[in-house]
PDB file of N, CA and C in Angstrom:
ATOM      1  N   UNK A   1      86.544  91.660 104.399  1.00  0.00           N
ATOM      2  CA  UNK A   1      85.588  92.789 104.752  1.00  0.00           C
ATOM      3  C   UNK A   1      85.403  93.697 103.551  1.00  0.00           C
ATOM      4  N   UNK A   2      84.084  94.004 103.393  1.00  0.00           N
ATOM      5  CA  UNK A   2      83.778  94.994 102.317  1.00  0.00           C
ATOM      6  C   UNK A   2      82.982  96.159 102.798  1.00  0.00           C
ATOM      7  N   UNK A   3      83.034  97.298 102.218  1.00  0.00           N
ATOM      8  CA  UNK A   3      82.352  98.478 102.531  1.00  0.00           C
ATOM      9  C   UNK A   3      81.849  99.170 101.472  1.00  0.00           C
ATOM     10  N   UNK A   4      80.512  99.248 101.268  1.00  0.00           N
ATOM     11  CA  UNK A   4      79.875 100.055 100.175  1.00  0.00           C
ATOM     12  C   UNK A   4      79.807 101.503 100.565  1.00  0.00           C
ATOM     13  N   UNK A   5      80.293 102.333  99.598  1.00  0.00           N
ATOM     14  CA  UNK A   5      80.262 103.868  99.825  1.00  0.00           C
ATOM     15  C   UNK A   5      81.443 104.331 100.617  1.00  0.00           C
ATOM     16  N   UNK A   6      82.648 103.905 100.396  1.00  0.00           N
ATOM     17  CA  UNK A   6      83.740 104.354 101.338  1.00  0.00           C
ATOM     18  C   UNK A   6      83.923 105.896 101.283  1.00  0.00           C
ATOM     19  N   UNK A   7      83.513 106.511 100.255  1.00  0.00           N
ATOM     20  CA  UNK A   7      83.661 107.899 100.052  1.00  0.00           C
ATOM     21  C   UNK A   7      82.215 108.524  99.907  1.00  0.00           C
ATOM     22  N   UNK A   8      82.031 109.664 100.683  1.00  0.00           N
ATOM     23  CA  UNK A   8      80.747 110.257 100.701  1.00  0.00           C
ATOM     24  C   UNK A   8      80.127 110.625  99.383  1.00  0.00           C
ATOM     25  N   UNK A   9      81.034 110.981  98.435  1.00  0.00           N
ATOM     26  CA  UNK A   9      80.486 111.339  97.044  1.00  0.00           C
ATOM     27  C   UNK A   9      80.566 110.178  96.146  1.00  0.00           C
ATOM     28  N   UNK A  10      80.932 108.991  96.576  1.00  0.00           N
ATOM     29  CA  UNK A  10      80.869 107.783  95.768  1.00  0.00           C
ATOM     30  C   UNK A  10      80.032 106.593  96.421  1.00  0.00           C
ATOM     31  N   UNK A  11      78.827 106.668  96.654  1.00  0.00           N
ATOM     32  CA  UNK A  11      78.004 105.754  97.448  1.00  0.00           C
ATOM     33  C   UNK A  11      77.849 104.437  96.823  1.00  0.00           C
ATOM     34  N   UNK A  12      78.107 104.223  95.585  1.00  0.00           N
ATOM     35  CA  UNK A  12      78.041 102.838  94.990  1.00  0.00           C
ATOM     36  C   UNK A  12      79.282 102.181  94.900  1.00  0.00           C
ATOM     37  N   UNK A  13      80.357 102.782  95.130  1.00  0.00           N
ATOM     38  CA  UNK A  13      81.655 102.071  95.169  1.00  0.00           C
ATOM     39  C   UNK A  13      81.842 101.081  96.298  1.00  0.00           C
ATOM     40  N   UNK A  14      82.681 100.091  96.057  1.00  0.00           N
ATOM     41  CA  UNK A  14      82.978  99.104  97.055  1.00  0.00           C
ATOM     42  C   UNK A  14      84.508  98.963  97.215  1.00  0.00           C
ATOM     43  N   UNK A  15      84.890  98.959  98.617  1.00  0.00           N
ATOM     44  CA  UNK A  15      86.310  98.758  98.916  1.00  0.00           C
ATOM     45  C   UNK A  15      86.275  97.503  99.794  1.00  0.00           C
ATOM     46  N   UNK A  16      87.305  96.759  99.619  1.00  0.00           N
ATOM     47  CA  UNK A  16      87.333  95.440 100.251  1.00  0.00           C
ATOM     48  C   UNK A  16      88.789  95.153 100.765  1.00  0.00           C
ATOM     49  N   UNK A  17      88.915  94.394 101.853  1.00  0.00           N
ATOM     50  CA  UNK A  17      90.225  93.943 102.290  1.00  0.00           C
ATOM     51  C   UNK A  17      89.988  92.504 102.697  1.00  0.00           C
ATOM     52  N   UNK A  18      91.004  91.666 102.459  1.00  0.00           N
ATOM     53  CA  UNK A  18      90.829  90.207 102.810  1.00  0.00           C
ATOM     54  C   UNK A  18      92.221  89.630 103.137  1.00  0.00           C
ATOM     55  N   UNK A  19      92.200  88.575 103.894  1.00  0.00           N
ATOM     56  CA  UNK A  19      93.282  87.724 104.311  1.00  0.00           C
ATOM     57  C   UNK A  19      92.862  86.326 104.202  1.00  0.00           C
ATOM     58  N   UNK A  20      93.623  85.544 103.526  1.00  0.00           N
ATOM     59  CA  UNK A  20      93.134  84.152 103.330  1.00  0.00           C
ATOM     60  C   UNK A  20      94.252  83.193 103.192  1.00  0.00           C
ATOM     61  N   UNK A  21      93.965  81.953 103.307  1.00  0.00           N
ATOM     62  CA  UNK A  21      94.956  80.844 103.149  1.00  0.00           C
ATOM     63  C   UNK A  21      94.276  79.806 102.580  1.00  0.00           C
ATOM     64  N   UNK A  22      95.088  78.994 101.798  1.00  0.00           N
ATOM     65  CA  UNK A  22      94.558  77.746 101.108  1.00  0.00           C
ATOM     66  C   UNK A  22      95.643  76.729 100.993  1.00  0.00           C
ATOM     67  N   UNK A  23      95.131  75.549 100.856  1.00  0.00           N
ATOM     68  CA  UNK A  23      96.044  74.314 100.796  1.00  0.00           C
ATOM     69  C   UNK A  23      95.735  73.686  99.396  1.00  0.00           C
ATOM     70  N   UNK A  24      96.707  73.490  98.636  1.00  0.00           N
ATOM     71  CA  UNK A  24      96.518  72.803  97.323  1.00  0.00           C
ATOM     72  C   UNK A  24      96.175  71.258  97.606  1.00  0.00           C
ATOM     73  N   UNK A  25      95.600  70.590  96.602  1.00  0.00           N
ATOM     74  CA  UNK A  25      95.232  69.220  96.698  1.00  0.00           C
ATOM     75  C   UNK A  25      96.378  68.356  96.924  1.00  0.00           C
ATOM     76  N   UNK A  26      96.193  67.144  97.515  1.00  0.00           N
ATOM     77  CA  UNK A  26      97.293  66.247  97.835  1.00  0.00           C
ATOM     78  C   UNK A  26      98.062  65.613  96.652  1.00  0.00           C
ATOM     79  N   UNK A  27      97.519  65.825  95.492  1.00  0.00           N
ATOM     80  CA  UNK A  27      98.128  65.234  94.294  1.00  0.00           C
ATOM     81  C   UNK A  27      99.327  66.024  93.705  1.00  0.00           C
ATOM     82  N   UNK A  28      99.583  67.151  94.285  1.00  0.00           N
ATOM     83  CA  UNK A  28     100.694  68.046  93.906  1.00  0.00           C
ATOM     84  C   UNK A  28     102.032  67.376  94.230  1.00  0.00           C
ATOM     85  N   UNK A  29     102.943  67.646  93.382  1.00  0.00           N
ATOM     86  CA  UNK A  29     104.381  67.252  93.574  1.00  0.00           C
ATOM     87  C   UNK A  29     105.282  68.374  93.459  1.00  0.00           C
ATOM     88  N   UNK A  30     106.166  68.700  94.454  1.00  0.00           N
ATOM     89  CA  UNK A  30     106.315  68.056  95.684  1.00  0.00           C
ATOM     90  C   UNK A  30     105.186  68.367  96.666  1.00  0.00           C
ATOM     91  N   UNK A  31     105.062  67.652  97.677  1.00  0.00           N
ATOM     92  CA  UNK A  31     103.935  67.957  98.631  1.00  0.00           C
ATOM     93  C   UNK A  31     103.969  69.350  99.171  1.00  0.00           C
ATOM     94  N   UNK A  32     102.828  70.022  99.234  1.00  0.00           N
ATOM     95  CA  UNK A  32     102.828  71.350  99.626  1.00  0.00           C
ATOM     96  C   UNK A  32     102.007  71.572 100.886  1.00  0.00           C
ATOM     97  N   UNK A  33     102.138  72.680 101.498  1.00  0.00           N
ATOM     98  CA  UNK A  33     101.367  73.011 102.653  1.00  0.00           C
ATOM     99  C   UNK A  33     100.534  74.407 102.374  1.00  0.00           C
ATOM    100  N   UNK A  34      99.985  74.979 103.360  1.00  0.00           N
ATOM    101  CA  UNK A  34      99.290  76.179 103.173  1.00  0.00           C
ATOM    102  C   UNK A  34      99.963  77.433 102.720  1.00  0.00           C
ATOM    103  N   UNK A  35      99.324  78.130 101.794  1.00  0.00           N
ATOM    104  CA  UNK A  35      99.810  79.439 101.358  1.00  0.00           C
ATOM    105  C   UNK A  35      98.953  80.450 101.965  1.00  0.00           C
ATOM    106  N   UNK A  36      99.408  81.749 102.222  1.00  0.00           N
ATOM    107  CA  UNK A  36      98.711  82.820 102.716  1.00  0.00           C
ATOM    108  C   UNK A  36      98.813  84.011 101.767  1.00  0.00           C
ATOM    109  N   UNK A  37      97.740  84.831 101.888  1.00  0.00           N
ATOM    110  CA  UNK A  37      97.729  86.080 101.020  1.00  0.00           C
ATOM    111  C   UNK A  37      96.925  87.183 101.592  1.00  0.00           C
ATOM    112  N   UNK A  38      97.303  88.445 101.324  1.00  0.00           N
ATOM    113  CA  UNK A  38      96.470  89.555 101.457  1.00  0.00           C
ATOM    114  C   UNK A  38      95.995  90.251 100.246  1.00  0.00           C
ATOM    115  N   UNK A  39      94.763  90.779 100.319  1.00  0.00           N
ATOM    116  CA  UNK A  39      94.159  91.290  99.109  1.00  0.00           C
ATOM    117  C   UNK A  39      93.485  92.685  99.505  1.00  0.00           C
ATOM    118  N   UNK A  40      93.583  93.590  98.523  1.00  0.00           N
ATOM    119  CA  UNK A  40      92.815  94.822  98.614  1.00  0.00           C
ATOM    120  C   UNK A  40      92.082  95.075  97.313  1.00  0.00           C
ATOM    121  N   UNK A  41      90.832  95.544  97.292  1.00  0.00           N
ATOM    122  CA  UNK A  41      90.032  95.442  96.108  1.00  0.00           C
ATOM    123  C   UNK A  41      89.277  96.791  96.128  1.00  0.00           C
ATOM    124  N   UNK A  42      89.178  97.516  95.005  1.00  0.00           N
ATOM    125  CA  UNK A  42      88.251  98.666  94.947  1.00  0.00           C
ATOM    126  C   UNK A  42      87.409  98.618  93.601  1.00  0.00           C
ATOM    127  N   UNK A  43      86.150  98.795  93.763  1.00  0.00           N
ATOM    128  CA  UNK A  43      85.207  98.817  92.536  1.00  0.00           C
ATOM    129  C   UNK A  43      84.805 100.174  92.413  1.00  0.00           C
ATOM    130  N   UNK A  44      85.138 100.822  91.360  1.00  0.00           N
ATOM    131  CA  UNK A  44      84.804 102.144  91.036  1.00  0.00           C
ATOM    132  C   UNK A  44      83.563 102.116  90.067  1.00  0.00           C
ATOM    133  N   UNK A  45      82.403 102.492  90.534  1.00  0.00           N
ATOM    134  CA  UNK A  45      81.211 102.440  89.809  1.00  0.00           C
ATOM    135  C   UNK A  45      80.983 103.699  89.094  1.00  0.00           C
ATOM    136  N   UNK A  46      81.027 103.486  87.680  1.00  0.00           N
ATOM    137  CA  UNK A  46      80.781 104.675  86.771  1.00  0.00           C
ATOM    138  C   UNK A  46      79.315 104.910  86.595  1.00  0.00           C
ATOM    139  N   UNK A  47      78.593 103.801  86.263  1.00  0.00           N
ATOM    140  CA  UNK A  47      77.116 103.860  86.252  1.00  0.00           C
ATOM    141  C   UNK A  47      76.589 102.518  86.438  1.00  0.00           C
ATOM    142  N   UNK A  48      75.278 102.356  86.242  1.00  0.00           N
ATOM    143  CA  UNK A  48      74.628 100.993  86.572  1.00  0.00           C
ATOM    144  C   UNK A  48      75.232  99.897  85.666  1.00  0.00           C
ATOM    145  N   UNK A  49      75.741 100.344  84.463  1.00  0.00           N
ATOM    146  CA  UNK A  49      76.193  99.267  83.530  1.00  0.00           C
ATOM    147  C   UNK A  49      77.740  99.105  83.439  1.00  0.00           C
ATOM    148  N   UNK A  50      78.450 100.067  84.116  1.00  0.00           N
ATOM    149  CA  UNK A  50      79.980 100.038  83.951  1.00  0.00           C
ATOM    150  C   UNK A  50      80.653 100.262  85.137  1.00  0.00           C
ATOM    151  N   UNK A  51      81.631  99.348  85.497  1.00  0.00           N
ATOM    152  CA  UNK A  51      82.383  99.326  86.773  1.00  0.00           C
ATOM    153  C   UNK A  51      83.873  99.161  86.268  1.00  0.00           C
ATOM    154  N   UNK A  52      84.841  99.695  87.077  1.00  0.00           N
ATOM    155  CA  UNK A  52      86.289  99.507  86.926  1.00  0.00           C
ATOM    156  C   UNK A  52      86.692  98.923  88.270  1.00  0.00           C
ATOM    157  N   UNK A  53      87.352  97.748  88.152  1.00  0.00           N
ATOM    158  CA  UNK A  53      87.785  97.078  89.434  1.00  0.00           C
ATOM    159  C   UNK A  53      89.330  97.211  89.515  1.00  0.00           C
ATOM    160  N   UNK A  54      89.846  97.604  90.580  1.00  0.00           N
ATOM    161  CA  UNK A  54      91.336  97.619  90.854  1.00  0.00           C
ATOM    162  C   UNK A  54      91.597  96.586  91.885  1.00  0.00           C
ATOM    163  N   UNK A  55      92.630  95.690  91.727  1.00  0.00           N
ATOM    164  CA  UNK A  55      92.837  94.683  92.774  1.00  0.00           C
ATOM    165  C   UNK A  55      94.369  94.614  92.981  1.00  0.00           C
ATOM    166  N   UNK A  56      94.782  94.417  94.166  1.00  0.00           N
ATOM    167  CA  UNK A  56      96.201  94.253  94.573  1.00  0.00           C
ATOM    168  C   UNK A  56      96.282  93.042  95.604  1.00  0.00           C
ATOM    169  N   UNK A  57      97.192  92.100  95.335  1.00  0.00           N
ATOM    170  CA  UNK A  57      97.284  90.978  96.177  1.00  0.00           C
ATOM    171  C   UNK A  57      98.836  90.832  96.513  1.00  0.00           C
ATOM    172  N   UNK A  58      99.040  90.304  97.708  1.00  0.00           N
ATOM    173  CA  UNK A  58     100.392  90.013  98.191  1.00  0.00           C
ATOM    174  C   UNK A  58     100.351  88.622  98.715  1.00  0.00           C
ATOM    175  N   UNK A  59     100.975  87.643  98.037  1.00  0.00           N
ATOM    176  CA  UNK A  59     101.035  86.211  98.355  1.00  0.00           C
ATOM    177  C   UNK A  59     102.355  85.940  99.117  1.00  0.00           C
ATOM    178  N   UNK A  60     102.314  85.435 100.389  1.00  0.00           N
ATOM    179  CA  UNK A  60     103.471  85.079 101.070  1.00  0.00           C
ATOM    180  C   UNK A  60     103.239  83.714 101.605  1.00  0.00           C
ATOM    181  N   UNK A  61     104.287  83.065 102.142  1.00  0.00           N
ATOM    182  CA  UNK A  61     104.349  81.674 102.633  1.00  0.00           C
ATOM    183  C   UNK A  61     103.853  80.728 101.420  1.00  0.00           C
ATOM    184  N   UNK A  62     104.376  81.007 100.243  1.00  0.00           N
ATOM    185  CA  UNK A  62     104.043  80.235  99.185  1.00  0.00           C
ATOM    186  C   UNK A  62     104.396  78.816  99.363  1.00  0.00           C
ATOM    187  N   UNK A  63     103.417  77.830  99.199  1.00  0.00           N
ATOM    188  CA  UNK A  63     103.522  76.510  99.590  1.00  0.00           C
ATOM    189  C   UNK A  63     103.787  76.222 100.967  1.00  0.00           C
ATOM    190  N   UNK A  64     103.449  77.241 101.805  1.00  0.00           N
ATOM    191  CA  UNK A  64     103.657  76.939 103.235  1.00  0.00           C
ATOM    192  C   UNK A  64     105.044  77.236 103.821  1.00  0.00           C
ATOM    193  N   UNK A  65     106.061  77.744 102.841  1.00  0.00           N
ATOM    194  CA  UNK A  65     107.383  77.944 103.218  1.00  0.00           C
ATOM    195  C   UNK A  65     107.590  79.374 103.344  1.00  0.00           C
ATOM    196  N   UNK A  66     108.512  79.915 104.275  1.00  0.00           N
ATOM    197  CA  UNK A  66     108.756  81.402 104.373  1.00  0.00           C
ATOM    198  C   UNK A  66     109.413  81.740 103.003  1.00  0.00           C
ATOM    199  N   UNK A  67     108.835  82.734 102.399  1.00  0.00           N
ATOM    200  CA  UNK A  67     109.448  83.199 101.059  1.00  0.00           C
ATOM    201  C   UNK A  67     109.353  84.745 101.033  1.00  0.00           C
ATOM    202  N   UNK A  68     109.989  85.383  99.993  1.00  0.00           N
ATOM    203  CA  UNK A  68     109.961  86.781  99.905  1.00  0.00           C
ATOM    204  C   UNK A  68     108.548  87.296  99.460  1.00  0.00           C
ATOM    205  N   UNK A  69     107.834  86.400  98.975  1.00  0.00           N
ATOM    206  CA  UNK A  69     106.443  86.821  98.591  1.00  0.00           C
ATOM    207  C   UNK A  69     106.344  87.366  97.188  1.00  0.00           C
ATOM    208  N   UNK A  70     105.178  87.528  96.690  1.00  0.00           N
ATOM    209  CA  UNK A  70     104.877  87.942  95.368  1.00  0.00           C
ATOM    210  C   UNK A  70     103.813  89.076  95.432  1.00  0.00           C
ATOM    211  N   UNK A  71     103.900  90.172  94.771  1.00  0.00           N
ATOM    212  CA  UNK A  71     102.815  91.117  94.653  1.00  0.00           C
ATOM    213  C   UNK A  71     102.122  91.032  93.268  1.00  0.00           C
ATOM    214  N   UNK A  72     100.909  91.172  93.231  1.00  0.00           N
ATOM    215  CA  UNK A  72     100.003  90.934  91.987  1.00  0.00           C
ATOM    216  C   UNK A  72      99.110  92.165  91.912  1.00  0.00           C
ATOM    217  N   UNK A  73      99.097  92.888  90.833  1.00  0.00           N
ATOM    218  CA  UNK A  73      98.262  94.002  90.575  1.00  0.00           C
ATOM    219  C   UNK A  73      97.390  93.677  89.369  1.00  0.00           C
ATOM    220  N   UNK A  74      96.165  94.253  89.375  1.00  0.00           N
ATOM    221  CA  UNK A  74      95.269  93.910  88.339  1.00  0.00           C
ATOM    222  C   UNK A  74      94.172  94.918  88.237  1.00  0.00           C
ATOM    223  N   UNK A  75      93.560  94.941  87.028  1.00  0.00           N
ATOM    224  CA  UNK A  75      92.361  95.800  86.691  1.00  0.00           C
ATOM    225  C   UNK A  75      91.457  95.068  85.788  1.00  0.00           C
ATOM    226  N   UNK A  76      90.213  95.396  85.893  1.00  0.00           N
ATOM    227  CA  UNK A  76      89.264  94.763  85.067  1.00  0.00           C
ATOM    228  C   UNK A  76      88.138  95.815  84.768  1.00  0.00           C
ATOM    229  N   UNK A  77      87.455  95.596  83.634  1.00  0.00           N
ATOM    230  CA  UNK A  77      86.225  96.469  83.322  1.00  0.00           C
ATOM    231  C   UNK A  77      85.125  95.491  83.215  1.00  0.00           C
ATOM    232  N   UNK A  78      83.986  95.837  83.990  1.00  0.00           N
ATOM    233  CA  UNK A  78      82.792  95.173  84.012  1.00  0.00           C
ATOM    234  C   UNK A  78      81.677  95.943  83.237  1.00  0.00           C
ATOM    235  N   UNK A  79      81.141  95.284  82.230  1.00  0.00           N
ATOM    236  CA  UNK A  79      80.033  95.881  81.387  1.00  0.00           C
ATOM    237  C   UNK A  79      78.776  94.966  81.525  1.00  0.00           C
ATOM    238  N   UNK A  80      77.691  95.561  81.869  1.00  0.00           N
ATOM    239  CA  UNK A  80      76.463  94.872  81.904  1.00  0.00           C
ATOM    240  C   UNK A  80      75.474  95.340  80.921  1.00  0.00           C
ATOM    241  N   UNK A  81      74.977  94.408  80.117  1.00  0.00           N
ATOM    242  CA  UNK A  81      74.145  94.720  78.984  1.00  0.00           C
ATOM    243  C   UNK A  81      72.707  94.508  79.442  1.00  0.00           C
TER     244      UNK A  81
END
């Protein structure tokens, strides 16, 4: 799910939440099953040419097995010429 303009004074920002799962190809050793993850994303629009993106993910059921999970945090800068 994504929402543009989550804050009244930030109409061009984008906030997103996602839940997804995936299964690696069958050529992996040892055989694996589906992994699951949750993700939160926020794009802070500075102007038409510059954005800062913040991303947080939590991966659980790594390879389809119950696991403690892994948290991943990231940021990126987008520049458009």
